[in-house]
C-alpha cells in the first residue's frame, strides 16, 4: 500500500511540475505606455492578390491624382516619386508584360521626368502627357484601369 501512495504522490508532483514548467515558460510582453496605431489593411482589389506592379501603379495613380489637384500650386515638382521599378515589378499575370511593355514603361518614366522639369506655363501639358503614356500602355496591356485614368486628365482651357 505505501508503494501505491508513493506512486500517486509522484504522479501529482510530476503533473504539478509540468504545469509549473509550462506556466513559467510563457513569456509576457512588457507593457508599453504608448498605444500602437491599429494597422488597417486595404482590401485587395484583385481576387488573386496584389502584384508588385499593381501596387506600384495604384501608388502612381494616387500620386498623380494628388498632383492634378496641385497643378497650379508652387509645390516642389522635383520630389515626384521614383518609379524606375516599373521595369522590373512583377505583374499579376506575366502575359501583361507583352512585347512593347518596356517601351511603354520607358515612355512613362521620360514623361515623368518632363513633368518634373516643367514650368508653370507647360505643366498641364506635361501632366497630361504622363496620363497619355498610362492610357497608351493600358490600351494594349490591361484595360481595367482605363476609366480611372481617363478621370486623371486636366482640362486645357483654350481661349
N, C-alpha and C. Protein backbone atom coordinates (compact mmCIF):
# COMPACT_ATOMS: atom_id res chain seq x y z
N UNK A 1 0.81 -1.20 0.00
CA UNK A 1 0.00 0.00 0.00
C UNK A 1 0.85 1.26 0.00
N UNK A 2 1.95 1.31 0.77
CA UNK A 2 2.77 2.51 0.73
C UNK A 2 3.33 2.80 -0.66
N UNK A 3 3.59 1.74 -1.45
CA UNK A 3 4.07 1.97 -2.82
C UNK A 3 2.99 2.65 -3.65
N UNK A 4 1.75 2.32 -3.43
CA UNK A 4 0.64 2.93 -4.16
C UNK A 4 0.54 4.41 -3.84
N UNK A 5 0.67 4.76 -2.55
CA UNK A 5 0.64 6.16 -2.17
C UNK A 5 1.82 6.92 -2.77
N UNK A 6 2.95 6.27 -2.79
CA UNK A 6 4.15 6.90 -3.36
C UNK A 6 3.95 7.16 -4.86
N UNK A 7 3.35 6.23 -5.56
CA UNK A 7 3.09 6.41 -7.00
C UNK A 7 2.09 7.54 -7.24
N UNK A 8 1.05 7.60 -6.42
CA UNK A 8 0.04 8.66 -6.57
C UNK A 8 0.67 10.02 -6.30
N UNK A 9 1.45 10.10 -5.23
CA UNK A 9 2.12 11.36 -4.90
C UNK A 9 3.09 11.75 -6.01
N UNK A 10 3.84 10.79 -6.53
CA UNK A 10 4.79 11.04 -7.62
C UNK A 10 4.04 11.55 -8.87
N UNK A 11 2.90 10.94 -9.14
CA UNK A 11 2.10 11.36 -10.30
C UNK A 11 1.67 12.82 -10.15
N UNK A 12 1.19 13.17 -8.95
CA UNK A 12 0.76 14.55 -8.72
C UNK A 12 1.94 15.52 -8.77
N UNK A 13 3.07 15.14 -8.24
CA UNK A 13 4.26 16.00 -8.27
C UNK A 13 4.73 16.24 -9.71
N UNK A 14 4.73 15.19 -10.51
CA UNK A 14 5.13 15.33 -11.91
C UNK A 14 4.14 16.23 -12.64
N UNK A 15 2.85 16.05 -12.40
CA UNK A 15 1.83 16.88 -13.03
C UNK A 15 2.00 18.34 -12.63
N UNK A 16 2.20 18.60 -11.36
CA UNK A 16 2.40 19.97 -10.87
C UNK A 16 3.67 20.57 -11.46
N UNK A 17 4.73 19.76 -11.51
CA UNK A 17 5.99 20.23 -12.08
C UNK A 17 5.83 20.60 -13.56
N UNK A 18 5.19 19.74 -14.35
CA UNK A 18 4.98 20.02 -15.77
C UNK A 18 4.08 21.24 -15.98
N UNK A 19 3.05 21.36 -15.17
CA UNK A 19 2.17 22.52 -15.26
C UNK A 19 2.94 23.80 -14.92
N UNK A 20 3.74 23.74 -13.87
CA UNK A 20 4.55 24.90 -13.49
C UNK A 20 5.56 25.26 -14.57
N UNK A 21 6.18 24.24 -15.15
CA UNK A 21 7.14 24.46 -16.22
C UNK A 21 6.46 25.14 -17.41
N UNK A 22 5.29 24.66 -17.77
CA UNK A 22 4.53 25.25 -18.88
C UNK A 22 4.14 26.69 -18.55
N UNK A 23 3.66 26.91 -17.33
CA UNK A 23 3.20 28.23 -16.92
C UNK A 23 4.32 29.26 -16.94
N UNK A 24 5.49 28.89 -16.45
CA UNK A 24 6.59 29.83 -16.38
C UNK A 24 7.40 29.94 -17.67
N UNK A 25 7.16 29.04 -18.61
CA UNK A 25 7.89 29.13 -19.87
C UNK A 25 7.27 30.14 -20.83
N UNK A 26 6.04 30.53 -20.57
CA UNK A 26 5.37 31.53 -21.41
C UNK A 26 5.88 32.91 -21.03
N UNK A 27 6.37 33.65 -22.03
CA UNK A 27 6.86 34.99 -21.77
C UNK A 27 5.73 35.98 -21.96
N UNK A 28 5.73 36.98 -21.14
CA UNK A 28 4.77 38.06 -21.34
C UNK A 28 5.52 39.24 -21.93
N UNK A 29 4.84 39.97 -22.80
CA UNK A 29 5.46 41.15 -23.40
C UNK A 29 5.42 42.29 -22.40
N UNK A 30 6.47 43.10 -22.39
CA UNK A 30 6.46 44.24 -21.47
C UNK A 30 5.33 45.20 -21.84
N UNK A 31 4.75 45.78 -20.83
CA UNK A 31 3.66 46.72 -21.05
C UNK A 31 4.25 48.04 -21.54
N UNK A 32 3.70 48.54 -22.64
CA UNK A 32 4.16 49.79 -23.21
C UNK A 32 3.08 50.84 -22.97
N UNK A 33 3.49 51.99 -22.46
CA UNK A 33 2.52 53.05 -22.17
C UNK A 33 1.91 53.65 -23.43
N UNK A 34 2.63 53.58 -24.54
CA UNK A 34 2.13 54.16 -25.77
C UNK A 34 1.23 53.16 -26.47
N UNK A 35 0.10 53.66 -26.93
CA UNK A 35 -0.81 52.80 -27.66
C UNK A 35 -0.35 52.71 -29.09
N UNK A 36 -0.35 51.52 -29.63
CA UNK A 36 0.04 51.34 -31.02
C UNK A 36 -1.15 51.65 -31.91
N UNK A 37 -0.84 52.27 -33.05
CA UNK A 37 -1.88 52.56 -34.02
C UNK A 37 -2.33 51.24 -34.64
N UNK A 38 -3.63 51.06 -34.77
CA UNK A 38 -4.08 49.83 -35.41
C UNK A 38 -3.68 49.82 -36.88
N UNK A 39 -3.28 48.67 -37.36
CA UNK A 39 -2.88 48.53 -38.74
C UNK A 39 -4.14 48.26 -39.56
N UNK A 40 -4.40 49.14 -40.51
CA UNK A 40 -5.56 48.98 -41.36
C UNK A 40 -5.08 48.48 -42.70
N UNK A 41 -5.49 47.29 -43.06
CA UNK A 41 -5.09 46.74 -44.33
C UNK A 41 -6.18 47.01 -45.34
N UNK A 42 -5.74 47.51 -46.49
CA UNK A 42 -6.69 47.77 -47.56
C UNK A 42 -7.03 46.44 -48.21
N UNK A 43 -8.31 46.26 -48.45
CA UNK A 43 -8.74 45.03 -49.10
C UNK A 43 -8.16 44.96 -50.50
N UNK A 44 -7.76 43.80 -50.88
CA UNK A 44 -7.19 43.60 -52.20
C UNK A 44 -8.25 43.82 -53.26
N UNK A 45 -7.90 44.54 -54.31
CA UNK A 45 -8.81 44.76 -55.41
C UNK A 45 -8.79 43.59 -56.38
N UNK A 46 -7.80 42.75 -56.24
CA UNK A 46 -7.62 41.63 -57.14
C UNK A 46 -7.86 40.34 -56.36
N UNK A 47 -8.79 39.50 -56.82
CA UNK A 47 -9.05 38.26 -56.07
C UNK A 47 -7.84 37.33 -56.01
N UNK A 48 -6.87 37.50 -56.91
CA UNK A 48 -5.67 36.67 -56.91
C UNK A 48 -4.55 37.29 -56.08
N UNK A 49 -4.84 38.39 -55.41
CA UNK A 49 -3.81 39.09 -54.64
C UNK A 49 -3.24 40.24 -55.45
N UNK A 50 -2.52 41.11 -54.80
CA UNK A 50 -1.96 42.28 -55.46
C UNK A 50 -0.51 42.02 -55.84
N UNK A 51 -0.20 42.25 -57.10
CA UNK A 51 1.17 42.08 -57.57
C UNK A 51 1.96 43.35 -57.27
N UNK A 52 3.28 43.24 -57.40
CA UNK A 52 4.13 44.42 -57.22
C UNK A 52 3.74 45.51 -58.20
N UNK A 53 3.48 45.13 -59.44
CA UNK A 53 3.15 46.10 -60.48
C UNK A 53 1.81 46.77 -60.19
N UNK A 54 0.82 46.01 -59.75
CA UNK A 54 -0.49 46.59 -59.43
C UNK A 54 -0.37 47.59 -58.29
N UNK A 55 0.38 47.24 -57.25
CA UNK A 55 0.57 48.15 -56.12
C UNK A 55 1.32 49.41 -56.56
N UNK A 56 2.34 49.24 -57.40
CA UNK A 56 3.10 50.38 -57.90
C UNK A 56 2.20 51.31 -58.71
N UNK A 57 1.37 50.74 -59.56
CA UNK A 57 0.51 51.56 -60.40
C UNK A 57 -0.57 52.26 -59.58
N UNK A 58 -1.06 51.63 -58.53
CA UNK A 58 -2.02 52.32 -57.65
C UNK A 58 -1.34 53.49 -56.94
N UNK A 59 -0.09 53.29 -56.54
CA UNK A 59 0.67 54.38 -55.91
C UNK A 59 0.85 55.52 -56.91
N UNK A 60 1.19 55.17 -58.16
CA UNK A 60 1.34 56.19 -59.20
C UNK A 60 0.04 56.96 -59.39
N UNK A 61 -1.06 56.24 -59.48
CA UNK A 61 -2.35 56.87 -59.70
C UNK A 61 -2.70 57.80 -58.55
N UNK A 62 -2.46 57.37 -57.33
CA UNK A 62 -2.74 58.21 -56.17
C UNK A 62 -1.89 59.48 -56.20
N UNK A 63 -0.61 59.33 -56.52
CA UNK A 63 0.28 60.50 -56.55
C UNK A 63 -0.09 61.44 -57.69
N UNK A 64 -0.39 60.89 -58.85
CA UNK A 64 -0.75 61.73 -59.99
C UNK A 64 -2.08 62.46 -59.74
N UNK A 65 -3.02 61.80 -59.08
CA UNK A 65 -4.28 62.45 -58.74
C UNK A 65 -4.03 63.61 -57.78
N UNK A 66 -3.16 63.40 -56.81
CA UNK A 66 -2.81 64.48 -55.88
C UNK A 66 -2.11 65.62 -56.62
N UNK A 67 -1.24 65.28 -57.57
CA UNK A 67 -0.56 66.31 -58.36
C UNK A 67 -1.56 67.08 -59.22
N UNK A 68 -2.57 66.39 -59.72
CA UNK A 68 -3.60 67.06 -60.53
C UNK A 68 -4.27 68.15 -59.69
N UNK A 69 -4.56 67.84 -58.44
CA UNK A 69 -5.19 68.81 -57.56
C UNK A 69 -4.29 70.01 -57.28
N UNK A 70 -2.97 69.79 -57.39
CA UNK A 70 -2.00 70.86 -57.10
C UNK A 70 -1.35 71.40 -58.37
N UNK A 71 -1.96 71.19 -59.52
CA UNK A 71 -1.31 71.51 -60.80
C UNK A 71 -0.87 72.96 -60.90
N UNK A 72 -1.60 73.86 -60.28
CA UNK A 72 -1.26 75.29 -60.37
C UNK A 72 -0.59 75.82 -59.11
N UNK A 73 -0.21 74.93 -58.20
CA UNK A 73 0.41 75.38 -56.96
C UNK A 73 1.93 75.40 -57.10
N UNK A 74 2.57 75.92 -56.10
CA UNK A 74 4.03 76.03 -56.11
C UNK A 74 4.69 74.90 -55.32
N UNK A 75 4.14 73.71 -55.37
CA UNK A 75 4.79 72.59 -54.68
C UNK A 75 6.10 72.28 -55.39
N UNK A 76 6.95 71.52 -54.71
CA UNK A 76 8.23 71.15 -55.31
C UNK A 76 8.02 69.99 -56.27
N UNK A 77 7.96 70.28 -57.54
CA UNK A 77 7.69 69.28 -58.57
C UNK A 77 8.89 68.37 -58.80
N UNK A 78 9.99 68.62 -58.14
CA UNK A 78 11.18 67.78 -58.28
C UNK A 78 11.11 66.58 -57.33
N UNK A 79 10.11 66.55 -56.46
CA UNK A 79 10.02 65.49 -55.46
C UNK A 79 8.99 64.43 -55.82
N UNK A 80 8.74 64.23 -57.07
CA UNK A 80 7.84 63.17 -57.50
C UNK A 80 8.56 61.84 -57.27
N UNK A 81 7.83 60.85 -56.85
CA UNK A 81 8.43 59.55 -56.55
C UNK A 81 9.16 58.97 -57.76
N UNK A 82 10.13 58.14 -57.45
CA UNK A 82 10.91 57.46 -58.48
C UNK A 82 10.23 56.13 -58.79
N UNK A 83 9.84 55.96 -60.03
CA UNK A 83 9.11 54.75 -60.42
C UNK A 83 9.92 53.86 -61.35
N UNK A 84 11.24 53.86 -61.21
CA UNK A 84 12.08 53.04 -62.09
C UNK A 84 11.83 51.54 -61.93
N UNK A 85 11.23 51.16 -60.82
CA UNK A 85 10.93 49.73 -60.63
C UNK A 85 9.80 49.26 -61.54
N UNK A 86 9.21 50.17 -62.30
CA UNK A 86 8.16 49.79 -63.23
C UNK A 86 8.68 48.77 -64.25
N UNK A 87 9.98 48.82 -64.53
CA UNK A 87 10.57 47.87 -65.49
C UNK A 87 10.63 46.45 -64.92
N UNK A 88 10.85 46.33 -63.61
CA UNK A 88 11.10 45.01 -63.03
C UNK A 88 9.99 44.50 -62.12
N UNK A 89 9.00 45.33 -61.82
CA UNK A 89 7.93 44.91 -60.90
C UNK A 89 7.17 43.72 -61.49
N UNK A 90 6.87 42.77 -60.63
CA UNK A 90 6.18 41.55 -61.05
C UNK A 90 4.70 41.85 -61.30
N UNK A 91 4.20 41.52 -62.51
CA UNK A 91 2.77 41.76 -62.80
C UNK A 91 1.89 40.65 -62.23
N UNK A 92 0.58 40.90 -62.23
CA UNK A 92 -0.37 39.89 -61.78
C UNK A 92 -0.27 38.65 -62.67
N UNK A 93 -0.22 38.87 -63.96
CA UNK A 93 -0.02 37.79 -64.94
C UNK A 93 1.15 38.18 -65.81
N UNK A 94 2.05 37.27 -66.04
CA UNK A 94 3.26 37.57 -66.84
C UNK A 94 2.88 38.02 -68.25
N UNK A 95 1.73 37.58 -68.74
CA UNK A 95 1.30 37.96 -70.09
C UNK A 95 1.00 39.46 -70.19
N UNK A 96 0.84 40.14 -69.04
CA UNK A 96 0.59 41.58 -69.07
C UNK A 96 1.81 42.35 -69.56
N UNK A 97 2.97 41.76 -69.42
CA UNK A 97 4.18 42.41 -69.89
C UNK A 97 4.47 41.93 -71.31
N UNK A 98 3.53 42.23 -72.19
CA UNK A 98 3.64 41.83 -73.59
C UNK A 98 4.77 42.59 -74.26
N UNK A 99 5.03 42.19 -75.49
CA UNK A 99 6.03 42.91 -76.27
C UNK A 99 5.66 44.39 -76.30
N UNK A 100 6.62 45.21 -76.06
CA UNK A 100 6.38 46.64 -76.06
C UNK A 100 6.17 47.23 -74.68
N UNK A 101 5.94 46.38 -73.68
CA UNK A 101 5.72 46.90 -72.33
C UNK A 101 6.89 47.75 -71.86
N UNK A 102 8.11 47.26 -72.07
CA UNK A 102 9.29 48.01 -71.61
C UNK A 102 9.36 49.38 -72.28
N UNK A 103 8.95 49.46 -73.54
CA UNK A 103 8.94 50.75 -74.24
C UNK A 103 7.91 51.69 -73.61
N UNK A 104 6.74 51.16 -73.28
CA UNK A 104 5.72 51.98 -72.61
C UNK A 104 6.22 52.45 -71.25
N UNK A 105 6.88 51.55 -70.53
CA UNK A 105 7.41 51.90 -69.21
C UNK A 105 8.46 53.01 -69.33
N UNK A 106 9.31 52.89 -70.32
CA UNK A 106 10.34 53.92 -70.53
C UNK A 106 9.71 55.24 -70.93
N UNK A 107 8.67 55.20 -71.77
CA UNK A 107 7.97 56.43 -72.17
C UNK A 107 7.33 57.09 -70.95
N UNK A 108 6.79 56.27 -70.04
CA UNK A 108 6.22 56.81 -68.81
C UNK A 108 7.28 57.53 -67.99
N UNK A 109 8.42 56.88 -67.80
CA UNK A 109 9.50 57.48 -66.99
C UNK A 109 10.00 58.78 -67.62
N UNK A 110 10.10 58.81 -68.93
CA UNK A 110 10.54 60.04 -69.61
C UNK A 110 9.50 61.15 -69.45
N UNK A 111 8.22 60.79 -69.53
CA UNK A 111 7.18 61.81 -69.37
C UNK A 111 7.15 62.32 -67.92
N UNK A 112 7.43 61.43 -66.95
CA UNK A 112 7.51 61.87 -65.55
C UNK A 112 8.68 62.83 -65.36
N UNK A 113 9.79 62.54 -66.02
CA UNK A 113 10.95 63.42 -65.94
C UNK A 113 10.62 64.79 -66.55
N UNK A 114 9.90 64.79 -67.67
CA UNK A 114 9.50 66.05 -68.29
C UNK A 114 8.55 66.82 -67.37
N UNK A 115 7.67 66.11 -66.65
CA UNK A 115 6.79 66.78 -65.70
C UNK A 115 7.59 67.42 -64.57
N UNK A 116 8.59 66.71 -64.08
CA UNK A 116 9.44 67.26 -63.02
C UNK A 116 10.16 68.52 -63.49
N UNK A 117 10.53 68.56 -64.78
CA UNK A 117 11.26 69.70 -65.33
C UNK A 117 10.33 70.82 -65.83
N UNK A 118 9.04 70.57 -65.79
CA UNK A 118 8.09 71.52 -66.38
C UNK A 118 8.05 72.84 -65.62
N UNK A 119 7.61 73.85 -66.33
CA UNK A 119 7.39 75.16 -65.74
C UNK A 119 5.89 75.35 -65.59
N UNK A 120 5.50 76.40 -64.92
CA UNK A 120 4.08 76.68 -64.73
C UNK A 120 3.37 76.78 -66.08
N UNK A 121 4.06 77.33 -67.08
CA UNK A 121 3.46 77.54 -68.40
C UNK A 121 3.13 76.23 -69.13
N UNK A 122 3.95 75.21 -68.95
CA UNK A 122 3.70 73.96 -69.69
C UNK A 122 3.39 72.77 -68.78
N UNK A 123 3.07 73.03 -67.53
CA UNK A 123 2.86 71.94 -66.57
C UNK A 123 1.63 71.09 -66.91
N UNK A 124 0.52 71.71 -67.29
CA UNK A 124 -0.68 70.94 -67.62
C UNK A 124 -0.42 70.04 -68.81
N UNK A 125 0.26 70.56 -69.81
CA UNK A 125 0.60 69.76 -70.99
C UNK A 125 1.50 68.58 -70.59
N UNK A 126 2.49 68.84 -69.75
CA UNK A 126 3.41 67.78 -69.30
C UNK A 126 2.66 66.74 -68.47
N UNK A 127 1.77 67.20 -67.60
CA UNK A 127 0.98 66.29 -66.78
C UNK A 127 0.10 65.41 -67.66
N UNK A 128 -0.61 66.02 -68.59
CA UNK A 128 -1.48 65.24 -69.47
C UNK A 128 -0.69 64.26 -70.33
N UNK A 129 0.55 64.57 -70.65
CA UNK A 129 1.39 63.64 -71.41
C UNK A 129 1.71 62.41 -70.56
N UNK A 130 1.92 62.59 -69.27
CA UNK A 130 2.13 61.45 -68.38
C UNK A 130 0.88 60.56 -68.41
N UNK A 131 -0.27 61.18 -68.31
CA UNK A 131 -1.53 60.42 -68.32
C UNK A 131 -1.69 59.72 -69.67
N UNK A 132 -1.28 60.38 -70.77
CA UNK A 132 -1.33 59.73 -72.10
C UNK A 132 -0.48 58.47 -72.14
N UNK A 133 0.70 58.52 -71.53
CA UNK A 133 1.56 57.33 -71.56
C UNK A 133 0.91 56.18 -70.79
N UNK A 134 0.21 56.50 -69.71
CA UNK A 134 -0.52 55.47 -68.96
C UNK A 134 -1.62 54.88 -69.84
N UNK A 135 -2.39 55.77 -70.46
CA UNK A 135 -3.51 55.32 -71.29
C UNK A 135 -3.02 54.48 -72.47
N UNK A 136 -1.95 54.91 -73.12
CA UNK A 136 -1.42 54.18 -74.28
C UNK A 136 -1.03 52.75 -73.90
N UNK A 137 -0.39 52.60 -72.77
CA UNK A 137 0.02 51.26 -72.33
C UNK A 137 -1.20 50.41 -71.97
N UNK A 138 -2.14 51.00 -71.25
CA UNK A 138 -3.30 50.23 -70.81
C UNK A 138 -4.23 49.87 -71.96
N UNK A 139 -4.20 50.60 -73.03
CA UNK A 139 -4.99 50.23 -74.20
C UNK A 139 -4.50 48.90 -74.79
N UNK A 140 -3.23 48.59 -74.57
CA UNK A 140 -2.63 47.38 -75.13
C UNK A 140 -2.56 46.25 -74.10
N UNK A 141 -2.22 46.57 -72.86
CA UNK A 141 -1.91 45.51 -71.90
C UNK A 141 -3.04 45.15 -70.95
N UNK A 142 -3.67 46.12 -70.34
CA UNK A 142 -4.66 45.84 -69.28
C UNK A 142 -5.70 46.95 -69.30
N UNK A 143 -6.88 46.64 -69.76
CA UNK A 143 -7.92 47.66 -69.94
C UNK A 143 -8.60 48.08 -68.65
N UNK A 144 -8.47 47.30 -67.60
CA UNK A 144 -9.19 47.54 -66.35
C UNK A 144 -9.17 48.96 -65.82
N UNK A 145 -8.01 49.58 -65.66
CA UNK A 145 -7.96 50.90 -65.03
C UNK A 145 -8.19 52.09 -65.97
N UNK A 146 -8.59 51.83 -67.20
CA UNK A 146 -8.70 52.94 -68.17
C UNK A 146 -9.72 54.00 -67.74
N UNK A 147 -10.81 53.61 -67.12
CA UNK A 147 -11.79 54.60 -66.65
C UNK A 147 -11.17 55.53 -65.60
N UNK A 148 -10.43 54.95 -64.70
CA UNK A 148 -9.77 55.74 -63.67
C UNK A 148 -8.76 56.69 -64.30
N UNK A 149 -8.02 56.19 -65.27
CA UNK A 149 -7.01 57.01 -65.94
C UNK A 149 -7.66 58.18 -66.69
N UNK A 150 -8.79 57.92 -67.35
CA UNK A 150 -9.49 58.99 -68.09
C UNK A 150 -9.85 60.15 -67.18
N UNK A 151 -10.19 59.86 -65.94
CA UNK A 151 -10.58 60.90 -64.98
C UNK A 151 -9.40 61.71 -64.49
N UNK A 152 -8.19 61.27 -64.81
CA UNK A 152 -7.00 61.95 -64.30
C UNK A 152 -6.53 63.10 -65.19
N UNK A 153 -7.06 63.21 -66.40
CA UNK A 153 -6.65 64.30 -67.28
C UNK A 153 -7.06 65.65 -66.70
N UNK A 154 -6.26 66.67 -67.01
CA UNK A 154 -6.60 68.04 -66.63
C UNK A 154 -7.13 68.71 -67.90
N UNK A 155 -8.31 69.33 -67.77
CA UNK A 155 -8.89 70.03 -68.92
C UNK A 155 -8.03 71.24 -69.26
N UNK A 156 -7.78 71.40 -70.55
CA UNK A 156 -6.97 72.52 -71.03
C UNK A 156 -7.91 73.63 -71.48
N UNK A 157 -7.72 74.82 -70.92
CA UNK A 157 -8.54 75.98 -71.32
C UNK A 157 -8.01 76.52 -72.63
N UNK A 158 -8.83 76.45 -73.66
CA UNK A 158 -8.43 77.00 -74.96
C UNK A 158 -9.22 78.28 -75.19
N UNK A 159 -8.54 79.36 -75.20
CA UNK A 159 -9.20 80.66 -75.37
C UNK A 159 -8.88 81.25 -76.71
